Amino acid sequence: MDVQDASNMSSVVASPVPSGDARSRTASPEISVFRLYTLRLAYLILALGLGVYVWPVVLNHTNGLAIAEGVRFALLAGLGTTAVLGFRYPVQMLPLLLFELIWKGIYLIAFAMPLWSAHQINAAAAEDIKAVLMVVIFLPLIPWRYVFAHYVLKPGDRWR
């Protein structure tokens, strides 16, 4: 072994970057191929659903709509577009699906329930609630054991 080979080998061994080898990872639930495809289905639903309903508004809107709801439509268009990455990286994009669940849960608890309790749901609120309730589709598609192991039990990244 020459000096060049020895220096290359020592830089690989001393590298702080994980190798990616499955044996070097801590024991955690594996995600089956079936679950990977169910995740891809979730991203497809998200991307197509938002693509069909949101992008036409983004591309053909009035100034009045831009003033009243431009931020909402831009956020949803970005969410749907980012969901496309889930086809290639279904596990790495899990936080996107969690974000979708969380914001919709917040809407239902903080906004829809008080309206419902006060009997003040009008036609527009009912349409919003109906659209937001579609989030239940994602519940069985998310690998919850993996989410719990990686986002609840696993220690966070170091601060320094």
Protein backbone atom coordinates (compact mmCIF):
# COMPACT_ATOMS: atom_id res chain seq x y z
CA MET A 1 0.00 0.00 0.00
CA ASP A 2 1.47 3.35 -1.01
CA VAL A 3 1.18 6.69 0.80
CA GLN A 4 -1.73 7.86 -1.42
CA ASP A 5 -3.79 4.74 -0.63
CA ALA A 6 -3.05 5.08 3.09
CA SER A 7 -4.15 8.73 3.17
CA ASN A 8 -7.35 7.94 1.25
CA MET A 9 -8.13 5.10 3.64
CA SER A 10 -7.52 7.17 6.76
CA SER A 11 -9.73 9.99 5.48
CA VAL A 12 -12.56 7.55 4.89
CA VAL A 13 -12.16 5.89 8.28
CA ALA A 14 -11.94 9.19 10.16
CA SER A 15 -14.79 10.78 8.25
CA PRO A 16 -17.53 12.16 10.52
CA VAL A 17 -20.09 11.58 7.75
CA PRO A 18 -22.09 8.35 8.17
CA SER A 19 -21.33 5.71 5.58
CA GLY A 20 -24.98 5.03 4.74
CA ASP A 21 -24.41 1.34 5.39
CA ALA A 22 -27.55 -0.10 6.94
CA ARG A 23 -25.48 -2.06 9.48
CA SER A 24 -23.90 1.16 10.81
CA ARG A 25 -27.26 2.70 11.67
CA THR A 26 -28.89 2.24 15.02
CA ALA A 27 -31.67 -0.28 15.15
CA SER A 28 -34.85 1.32 13.91
CA PRO A 29 -37.94 0.12 12.10
CA GLU A 30 -37.35 -0.52 8.45
CA ILE A 31 -39.86 0.68 5.91
CA SER A 32 -41.08 -2.02 3.57
CA VAL A 33 -41.35 -1.54 -0.16
CA PHE A 34 -45.13 -1.59 0.22
CA ARG A 35 -44.95 1.31 2.72
CA LEU A 36 -42.64 3.22 0.37
CA TYR A 37 -45.29 2.91 -2.33
CA THR A 38 -48.04 4.01 0.06
CA LEU A 39 -45.92 7.06 0.89
CA ARG A 40 -45.52 7.74 -2.81
CA LEU A 41 -49.30 7.49 -3.13
CA ALA A 42 -49.67 10.11 -0.39
CA TYR A 43 -47.31 12.47 -2.23
CA LEU A 44 -49.18 11.82 -5.49
CA ILE A 45 -52.51 12.68 -3.84
CA LEU A 46 -51.01 15.82 -2.34
CA ALA A 47 -49.26 16.95 -5.54
CA LEU A 48 -52.18 16.21 -7.85
CA GLY A 49 -54.85 17.51 -5.49
CA LEU A 50 -53.09 20.81 -4.97
CA GLY A 51 -51.98 20.91 -8.59
CA VAL A 52 -55.52 20.59 -9.92
CA TYR A 53 -57.14 23.05 -7.52
CA VAL A 54 -54.41 25.53 -6.61
CA TRP A 55 -52.17 26.01 -9.65
CA PRO A 56 -54.97 27.21 -11.96
CA VAL A 57 -55.72 29.93 -9.39
CA VAL A 58 -52.02 30.82 -9.09
CA LEU A 59 -51.62 31.08 -12.85
CA ASN A 60 -54.90 32.94 -13.54
CA HIS A 61 -55.81 35.16 -10.62
CA THR A 62 -57.16 38.64 -10.18
CA ASN A 63 -55.51 41.37 -8.13
CA GLY A 64 -58.40 41.15 -5.67
CA LEU A 65 -57.71 37.47 -5.09
CA ALA A 66 -53.99 38.22 -4.75
CA ILE A 67 -54.75 40.74 -2.02
CA ALA A 68 -57.27 38.56 -0.18
CA GLU A 69 -55.79 35.06 -0.52
CA GLY A 70 -52.49 35.28 -2.37
CA VAL A 71 -50.38 34.05 0.53
CA ARG A 72 -52.64 31.03 1.08
CA PHE A 73 -52.53 29.99 -2.56
CA ALA A 74 -48.77 30.53 -2.81
CA LEU A 75 -48.18 28.39 0.28
CA LEU A 76 -50.41 25.60 -1.01
CA ALA A 77 -48.80 25.74 -4.47
CA GLY A 78 -45.37 25.44 -2.86
CA LEU A 79 -46.53 22.55 -0.70
CA GLY A 80 -47.93 20.67 -3.70
CA THR A 81 -44.85 21.33 -5.80
CA THR A 82 -42.54 20.18 -3.02
CA ALA A 83 -44.61 16.99 -2.68
CA VAL A 84 -43.23 15.95 -6.08
CA LEU A 85 -39.90 15.32 -4.32
CA GLY A 86 -41.69 12.63 -2.33
CA PHE A 87 -41.82 10.38 -5.37
CA ARG A 88 -38.04 10.12 -5.36
CA TYR A 89 -37.40 10.55 -1.62
CA PRO A 90 -40.50 9.23 0.17
CA VAL A 91 -38.87 8.76 3.57
CA GLN A 92 -36.87 12.00 3.58
CA MET A 93 -39.99 13.99 2.70
CA LEU A 94 -42.04 12.63 5.62
CA PRO A 95 -41.89 16.03 7.41
CA LEU A 96 -43.92 17.44 4.51
CA LEU A 97 -46.76 15.00 5.21
CA LEU A 98 -46.46 15.69 8.93
CA PHE A 99 -46.72 19.43 8.20
CA GLU A 100 -49.86 18.74 6.16
CA LEU A 101 -51.40 16.79 9.05
CA ILE A 102 -50.39 19.37 11.66
CA TRP A 103 -51.66 22.50 9.91
CA LYS A 104 -54.94 20.81 9.07
CA GLY A 105 -55.30 19.55 12.63
CA ILE A 106 -54.70 23.08 13.92
CA TYR A 107 -57.34 24.44 11.54
CA LEU A 108 -59.90 21.86 12.58
CA ILE A 109 -59.29 22.29 16.32
CA ALA A 110 -58.68 26.04 16.54
CA PHE A 111 -61.02 27.34 13.83
CA ALA A 112 -63.57 24.77 12.64
CA MET A 113 -64.57 23.39 16.05
CA PRO A 114 -65.33 26.81 17.58
CA LEU A 115 -67.39 27.71 14.50
CA TRP A 116 -69.23 24.40 14.74
CA SER A 117 -69.81 24.81 18.48
CA ALA A 118 -71.25 28.30 17.90
CA HIS A 119 -73.39 27.05 14.99
CA GLN A 120 -71.71 29.60 12.69
CA ILE A 121 -70.54 27.40 9.83
CA ASN A 122 -71.53 29.01 6.55
CA ALA A 123 -71.16 27.58 3.04
CA ALA A 124 -67.56 28.84 2.62
CA ALA A 125 -66.46 27.43 5.99
CA ALA A 126 -68.18 24.13 5.20
CA GLU A 127 -66.23 23.87 1.93
CA ASP A 128 -62.96 24.61 3.75
CA ILE A 129 -63.74 22.03 6.42
CA LYS A 130 -64.61 19.44 3.79
CA ALA A 131 -61.32 20.07 1.97
CA VAL A 132 -59.29 19.97 5.18
CA LEU A 133 -60.94 16.75 6.36
CA MET A 134 -59.48 15.01 3.29
CA VAL A 135 -56.32 14.75 5.42
CA VAL A 136 -57.70 11.49 6.83
CA ILE A 137 -56.53 9.86 3.59
CA PHE A 138 -52.93 10.29 4.77
CA LEU A 139 -53.36 8.69 8.19
CA PRO A 140 -53.08 5.03 7.05
CA LEU A 141 -50.41 5.84 4.45
CA ILE A 142 -47.83 7.21 6.89
CA PRO A 143 -45.46 4.67 8.53
CA TRP A 144 -46.24 5.72 12.11
CA ARG A 145 -43.81 3.30 13.76
CA TYR A 146 -40.98 4.84 11.72
CA VAL A 147 -42.17 8.38 12.50
CA PHE A 148 -42.28 7.61 16.22
CA ALA A 149 -38.82 5.98 16.18
CA HIS A 150 -37.18 8.78 14.18
CA TYR A 151 -38.97 11.91 15.35
CA VAL A 152 -39.88 11.08 18.95
CA LEU A 153 -37.44 8.48 20.31
CA LYS A 154 -34.30 9.23 18.31
CA PRO A 155 -32.04 11.88 19.88
CA GLY A 156 -31.92 15.19 18.02
CA ASP A 157 -28.87 16.52 16.20
CA ARG A 158 -26.16 18.07 18.32
CA TRP A 159 -26.23 21.81 18.99
CA ARG A 160 -22.46 22.35 18.73
